[in-house]
Protein backbone atom coordinates (compact mmCIF):
# COMPACT_ATOMS: atom_id res chain seq x y z
CA MET A 1 25.22 -3.86 7.79
CA LYS A 2 23.49 -2.75 10.49
CA VAL A 3 19.87 -1.66 10.56
CA LYS A 4 20.74 1.93 11.09
CA GLU A 5 22.80 2.14 8.08
CA ILE A 6 20.13 0.88 5.94
CA ILE A 7 17.40 2.88 7.13
CA ASP A 8 19.67 6.07 6.25
CA ARG A 9 20.27 4.74 3.05
CA VAL A 10 16.77 4.55 2.00
CA ILE A 11 15.87 7.62 3.53
CA ASN A 12 18.82 9.47 1.74
CA ARG A 13 17.93 7.97 -1.66
CA PHE A 14 14.98 9.97 -1.79
CA GLY A 15 15.80 13.55 -0.84
CA GLY A 16 16.50 12.92 2.82
CA ILE A 17 13.27 14.50 4.17
CA LYS A 18 12.93 15.55 7.47
CA PHE A 19 9.39 15.31 9.41
CA GLU A 20 8.22 17.03 12.69
CA GLN A 21 6.10 14.19 13.59
CA THR A 22 6.32 10.84 11.40
CA CYS A 23 4.97 7.24 11.96
CA ASP A 24 8.30 6.03 10.24
CA MET A 25 10.10 4.62 13.60
CA LEU A 26 11.84 1.62 14.60
CA ILE A 27 9.03 -0.58 15.91
CA ASN A 28 10.92 -3.47 17.48
CA GLY A 29 14.67 -4.28 17.96
CA SER A 30 17.97 -2.06 17.81
CA PHE A 31 19.57 0.05 15.20
CA ASP A 32 22.90 -1.30 15.85
CA THR A 33 21.55 -4.89 14.96
CA GLU A 34 23.81 -6.60 12.23
CA VAL A 35 21.52 -7.53 9.53
CA THR A 36 21.54 -11.11 8.06
CA GLY A 37 18.58 -10.57 5.60
CA VAL A 38 15.72 -7.98 5.00
CA VAL A 39 12.19 -8.50 4.31
CA THR A 40 9.91 -5.82 2.97
CA THR A 41 6.17 -6.28 3.46
CA PHE A 42 2.69 -4.44 3.45
CA MET A 43 2.43 -5.27 7.12
CA ALA A 44 4.52 -7.62 9.64
CA THR A 45 1.81 -9.65 10.46
CA VAL A 46 2.48 -12.95 12.65
CA ASP A 47 2.35 -14.66 9.50
CA VAL A 48 5.36 -12.57 7.68
CA ILE A 49 7.23 -12.50 10.91
CA LYS A 50 7.49 -16.66 10.99
CA GLN A 51 8.28 -16.46 6.94
CA ALA A 52 11.06 -13.86 7.68
CA ILE A 53 12.56 -16.32 10.28
CA ASP A 54 12.48 -19.25 8.19
CA CYS A 55 13.91 -17.30 5.20
CA GLY A 56 17.15 -16.15 7.89
CA ALA A 57 15.96 -12.52 7.76
CA ASN A 58 16.24 -10.36 10.95
CA PHE A 59 14.83 -6.84 9.52
CA ILE A 60 11.45 -6.33 8.38
CA ILE A 61 10.28 -3.03 6.45
CA THR A 62 6.88 -2.60 6.98
CA HIS A 63 4.87 0.02 5.32
CA GLU A 64 1.71 -0.24 7.28
CA PRO A 65 1.68 -0.84 11.36
CA THR A 66 2.61 -3.82 13.46
CA TYR A 67 0.78 -2.82 16.59
CA TYR A 68 -2.58 -2.19 15.48
CA THR A 69 -2.65 1.91 15.44
CA GLY A 70 -1.42 4.33 13.09
CA MET A 71 1.58 5.70 15.50
CA ASP A 72 2.09 2.00 16.67
CA ASN A 73 1.68 3.17 20.25
CA THR A 74 2.21 0.20 22.58
CA GLU A 75 0.93 1.74 26.10
CA TRP A 76 -2.85 0.79 25.64
CA ILE A 77 -1.73 -2.83 24.82
CA LYS A 78 1.07 -3.73 26.85
CA ASP A 79 -0.80 -6.16 28.87
CA ASP A 80 -2.76 -7.99 25.88
CA PRO A 81 -1.95 -11.26 25.18
CA ILE A 82 -1.57 -10.95 21.44
CA TYR A 83 0.90 -8.20 21.37
CA LEU A 84 2.89 -9.97 24.31
CA GLU A 85 3.19 -13.08 21.82
CA LYS A 86 4.04 -11.24 18.83
CA LYS A 87 6.80 -9.18 20.42
CA LYS A 88 8.13 -12.56 22.16
CA ILE A 89 8.57 -13.74 18.85
CA LEU A 90 10.19 -10.72 17.45
CA ASP A 91 12.56 -10.47 20.51
CA GLU A 92 13.41 -14.44 20.81
CA HIS A 93 14.52 -14.21 16.91
CA GLY A 94 16.68 -11.08 17.37
CA ILE A 95 13.96 -9.35 14.46
CA ALA A 96 14.27 -5.78 14.01
CA VAL A 97 11.03 -3.75 12.59
CA TRP A 98 10.96 -0.45 10.80
CA ARG A 99 8.05 1.51 9.44
CA PHE A 100 8.72 2.92 5.98
CA HIS A 101 5.35 5.10 5.18
CA ASP A 102 5.49 8.63 5.23
CA HIS A 103 9.00 8.78 3.63
CA MET A 104 7.54 6.36 0.86
CA HIS A 105 4.80 8.26 -0.09
CA ALA A 106 6.84 11.83 0.22
CA ALA A 107 9.18 10.39 -2.25
CA PRO A 108 9.42 12.65 -5.90
CA PHE A 109 7.13 9.94 -7.33
CA ASP A 110 5.33 8.05 -4.54
CA LEU A 111 7.02 4.77 -4.32
CA ILE A 112 3.55 2.83 -3.66
CA TYR A 113 2.35 4.06 -6.66
CA GLU A 114 5.57 3.32 -8.70
CA GLY A 115 5.27 -0.27 -7.12
CA PHE A 116 1.24 -0.44 -8.20
CA LEU A 117 2.07 0.92 -11.92
CA ASN A 118 5.10 -1.35 -12.45
CA GLU A 119 2.92 -4.33 -11.49
CA ILE A 120 -0.09 -3.37 -13.60
CA GLY A 121 1.92 -1.63 -16.29
CA TRP A 122 0.21 1.31 -16.41
CA LYS A 123 3.00 4.05 -16.53
CA ASP A 124 2.42 4.92 -20.13
CA TYR A 125 -1.23 5.81 -19.47
CA LEU A 126 -0.91 8.61 -17.06
CA ILE A 127 -2.39 11.71 -17.84
CA LYS A 128 0.33 14.09 -17.89
CA GLY A 129 0.38 17.16 -15.37
CA LEU A 130 -1.35 15.41 -12.50
CA GLN A 131 1.25 13.86 -10.14
CA PHE A 132 -1.53 13.44 -7.60
CA PRO A 133 -4.08 12.12 -7.40
CA HIS A 134 -3.25 9.87 -10.31
CA CYS A 135 -5.42 9.51 -13.62
CA TYR A 136 -5.11 7.77 -16.48
CA GLU A 137 -6.28 7.23 -20.10
CA ILE A 138 -6.55 3.42 -20.63
CA PRO A 139 -7.71 1.34 -23.68
CA GLU A 140 -11.37 1.28 -23.33
CA MET A 141 -12.79 -1.62 -21.52
CA SER A 142 -15.99 -2.59 -19.65
CA LEU A 143 -15.84 -2.52 -15.46
CA LYS A 144 -16.05 -6.30 -15.92
CA GLU A 145 -13.23 -6.41 -18.11
CA LEU A 146 -11.34 -4.19 -15.92
CA SER A 147 -12.24 -6.10 -12.90
CA GLU A 148 -11.06 -9.14 -14.52
CA PHE A 149 -7.57 -7.48 -15.60
CA PHE A 150 -7.07 -6.51 -11.78
CA LYS A 151 -8.08 -9.99 -10.29
CA GLU A 152 -5.40 -11.74 -12.43
CA LYS A 153 -2.69 -8.83 -11.81
CA LEU A 154 -3.28 -8.94 -8.03
CA GLU A 155 -4.12 -12.32 -7.38
CA MET A 156 -7.74 -11.65 -6.10
CA ASP A 157 -10.78 -14.02 -6.27
CA VAL A 158 -13.53 -11.27 -5.45
CA ILE A 159 -13.55 -7.48 -6.27
CA GLN A 160 -16.24 -5.21 -5.33
CA ILE A 161 -17.65 -2.90 -7.65
CA VAL A 162 -20.43 -0.17 -7.66
CA GLY A 163 -22.15 0.60 -10.77
CA SER A 164 -22.88 -1.48 -13.90
CA PRO A 165 -20.17 -4.43 -14.91
CA ASP A 166 -21.03 -3.04 -18.37
CA THR A 167 -19.91 0.68 -17.77
CA ARG A 168 -17.18 2.08 -20.22
CA CYS A 169 -14.25 2.43 -18.53
CA LYS A 170 -11.59 4.85 -20.30
CA ARG A 171 -10.67 7.79 -18.18
CA VAL A 172 -9.63 6.22 -14.82
CA GLY A 173 -9.03 7.38 -11.34
CA LEU A 174 -6.36 5.64 -9.01
CA LEU A 175 -6.51 6.17 -5.31
CA VAL A 176 -4.64 3.58 -3.53
CA GLY A 177 -4.96 2.85 0.27
CA GLY A 178 -6.39 5.68 2.51
CA GLY A 179 -6.51 7.98 -0.45
CA SER A 180 -9.75 7.02 -1.46
CA LEU A 181 -11.09 8.23 1.76
CA GLY A 182 -9.95 11.83 0.85
CA LEU A 183 -6.66 12.45 2.71
CA GLY A 184 -8.65 14.98 5.47
CA VAL A 185 -10.77 16.54 2.59
CA GLU A 186 -13.78 14.14 2.55
CA GLU A 187 -15.17 15.38 -0.85
CA MET A 188 -12.02 15.02 -2.29
CA PRO A 189 -12.69 11.49 -4.36
CA MET A 190 -15.97 13.22 -5.77
CA ILE A 191 -14.65 16.62 -7.04
CA LEU A 192 -12.02 14.53 -8.82
CA MET A 193 -14.52 12.61 -10.41
CA LYS A 194 -16.03 15.61 -11.52
CA GLU A 195 -13.13 18.06 -12.75
CA GLN A 196 -11.32 14.89 -14.65
CA ASN A 197 -14.46 13.44 -15.99
CA LEU A 198 -13.65 10.14 -14.96
CA ASP A 199 -15.29 6.88 -15.98
CA VAL A 200 -14.19 4.82 -12.97
CA ILE A 201 -12.31 5.39 -9.59
CA ILE A 202 -10.23 2.48 -8.26
CA CYS A 203 -10.20 2.51 -4.42
CA GLY A 204 -8.40 1.11 -1.53
CA ASP A 205 -10.51 1.83 1.59
CA ILE A 206 -13.89 3.20 0.94
CA THR A 207 -16.22 5.35 3.12
CA GLU A 208 -19.90 3.95 2.39
CA TRP A 209 -21.43 7.65 2.87
CA THR A 210 -19.14 9.56 0.51
CA LEU A 211 -17.81 8.09 -2.83
CA CYS A 212 -20.04 4.94 -2.86
CA PRO A 213 -23.56 6.64 -2.97
CA TYR A 214 -22.15 9.73 -5.17
CA ILE A 215 -21.27 6.59 -8.01
CA ARG A 216 -24.77 4.90 -6.93
CA ASP A 217 -26.61 7.97 -7.29
CA ALA A 218 -24.92 8.68 -10.89
CA ALA A 219 -25.46 5.35 -12.12
CA ALA A 220 -29.30 5.41 -11.09
CA LEU A 221 -29.33 8.40 -13.20
CA GLY A 222 -27.84 6.67 -16.27
CA MET A 223 -24.51 8.18 -16.20
CA ASN A 224 -21.38 6.60 -17.21
CA LYS A 225 -19.57 5.95 -13.66
CA ALA A 226 -18.27 2.96 -11.36
CA MET A 227 -16.22 2.44 -8.65
CA LEU A 228 -13.89 -0.48 -8.04
CA VAL A 229 -12.74 -1.53 -4.75
CA LEU A 230 -9.35 -3.28 -4.18
CA GLY A 231 -9.00 -2.71 -0.33
CA HIS A 232 -5.94 -1.22 1.51
CA GLU A 233 -3.73 -4.19 1.30
CA ARG A 234 -3.90 -5.21 -2.19
CA SER A 235 -3.73 -1.77 -3.68
CA GLU A 236 -0.27 -1.01 -1.81
CA GLU A 237 1.45 -4.26 -1.56
CA ALA A 238 2.89 -3.83 -4.72
CA GLY A 239 5.22 -0.84 -3.62
CA MET A 240 6.58 -3.33 -0.95
CA LYS A 241 7.46 -6.06 -3.72
CA HIS A 242 9.03 -3.49 -5.76
CA MET A 243 10.84 -2.04 -2.95
CA ALA A 244 12.98 -5.28 -2.80
CA VAL A 245 13.99 -4.82 -6.12
CA TRP A 246 15.47 -1.35 -5.98
CA LEU A 247 16.76 -2.00 -2.26
CA GLU A 248 18.87 -4.89 -2.94
CA PRO A 249 21.47 -3.57 -5.21
CA MET A 250 22.16 -0.82 -2.45
CA LEU A 251 23.09 -3.07 0.17
CA GLU A 252 26.06 -4.54 -0.83
CA GLY A 253 25.10 -8.23 -0.82
CA THR A 254 22.54 -8.18 2.11
CA THR A 255 19.81 -10.47 0.58
CA VAL A 256 16.41 -8.90 0.45
CA HIS A 257 13.19 -10.66 0.23
CA PHE A 258 9.39 -9.46 -0.31
CA ILE A 259 6.62 -11.66 1.74
CA ASP A 260 3.43 -10.78 0.52
CA ALA A 261 1.32 -10.12 3.69
CA LYS A 262 -1.64 -11.45 1.43
CA GLU A 263 -5.56 -9.79 1.43
CA PRO A 264 -6.62 -9.91 4.72
CA PHE A 265 -10.38 -11.28 3.97
CA ILE A 266 -11.78 -14.64 3.61
CA TYR A 267 -14.93 -15.07 1.48
CA LEU A 268 -17.50 -17.51 2.46
């Protein structure tokens, strides 16, 4: 199968949505490349690219940018040695890279959320009638217990929280990736917390002057409110992990590998 055929099958599976402008572009390589194997990943880092080469794959489907800006614009970086070396590795090994972001989030049920829910087993807890933002009623536990749950499920050593570890968590909001920044509506996470009477919001990215102080003030006033921060990568990677599961049967024998881009931070 060729790169273009795989891309078309993926997009058409979820309604063939057409965007006037999208970041879902072929970032490297040719649409006519004959695919020897596919890799799905949160981000096509150099480490991921090297692992793709080792497993014989020449087509990487990445959720997030390869070249450091939202639209993978390379004009500003064309003379940068990091860009040049990274592109050299891709070109020398004939690797195509396609970004699957906008179409992935625009599927009838957001495929990043679907993968995340498959990973943590919360589908039955989803509050009906709230397609997005997602809210859940889970078996009650403390914020500390909820943190330990995510550390195990997502292989995390450290989790940031705001609020008391003893906060009781039953009604939970989930805003993965950049969703917790408000998606252009800065006050959205706080409004969500109030309107849905949430005990805790699980976040990807955070802005330290919006939801974070809102939760701090609530906790200081004795209210049962908290926040748990997974980070962008840990909150979205599972979507790409589960993409490998549903993609491979569509490709008539072409092998699909998932490669975990891993949390970007090292904690000292």
